[in-house]
């Protein structure tokens, strides 16, 4: 269902499910390098899928 609607929509999905993560274009990780300071870490898979 997500694949069908993703042609015209964007989704933000919060998951730890590895199978779900393999189907996405971009993963945004959130890490805390020091207490109280969050850092966003994007991983864009679109360029890897086109290669």
Foldseek 3Di string as FASTA:
>chain_A
DCVVCVVPDDDDDDDPDVVVVVPDQKDWDWDDPDPPDIDIDMDGCPVVVVD
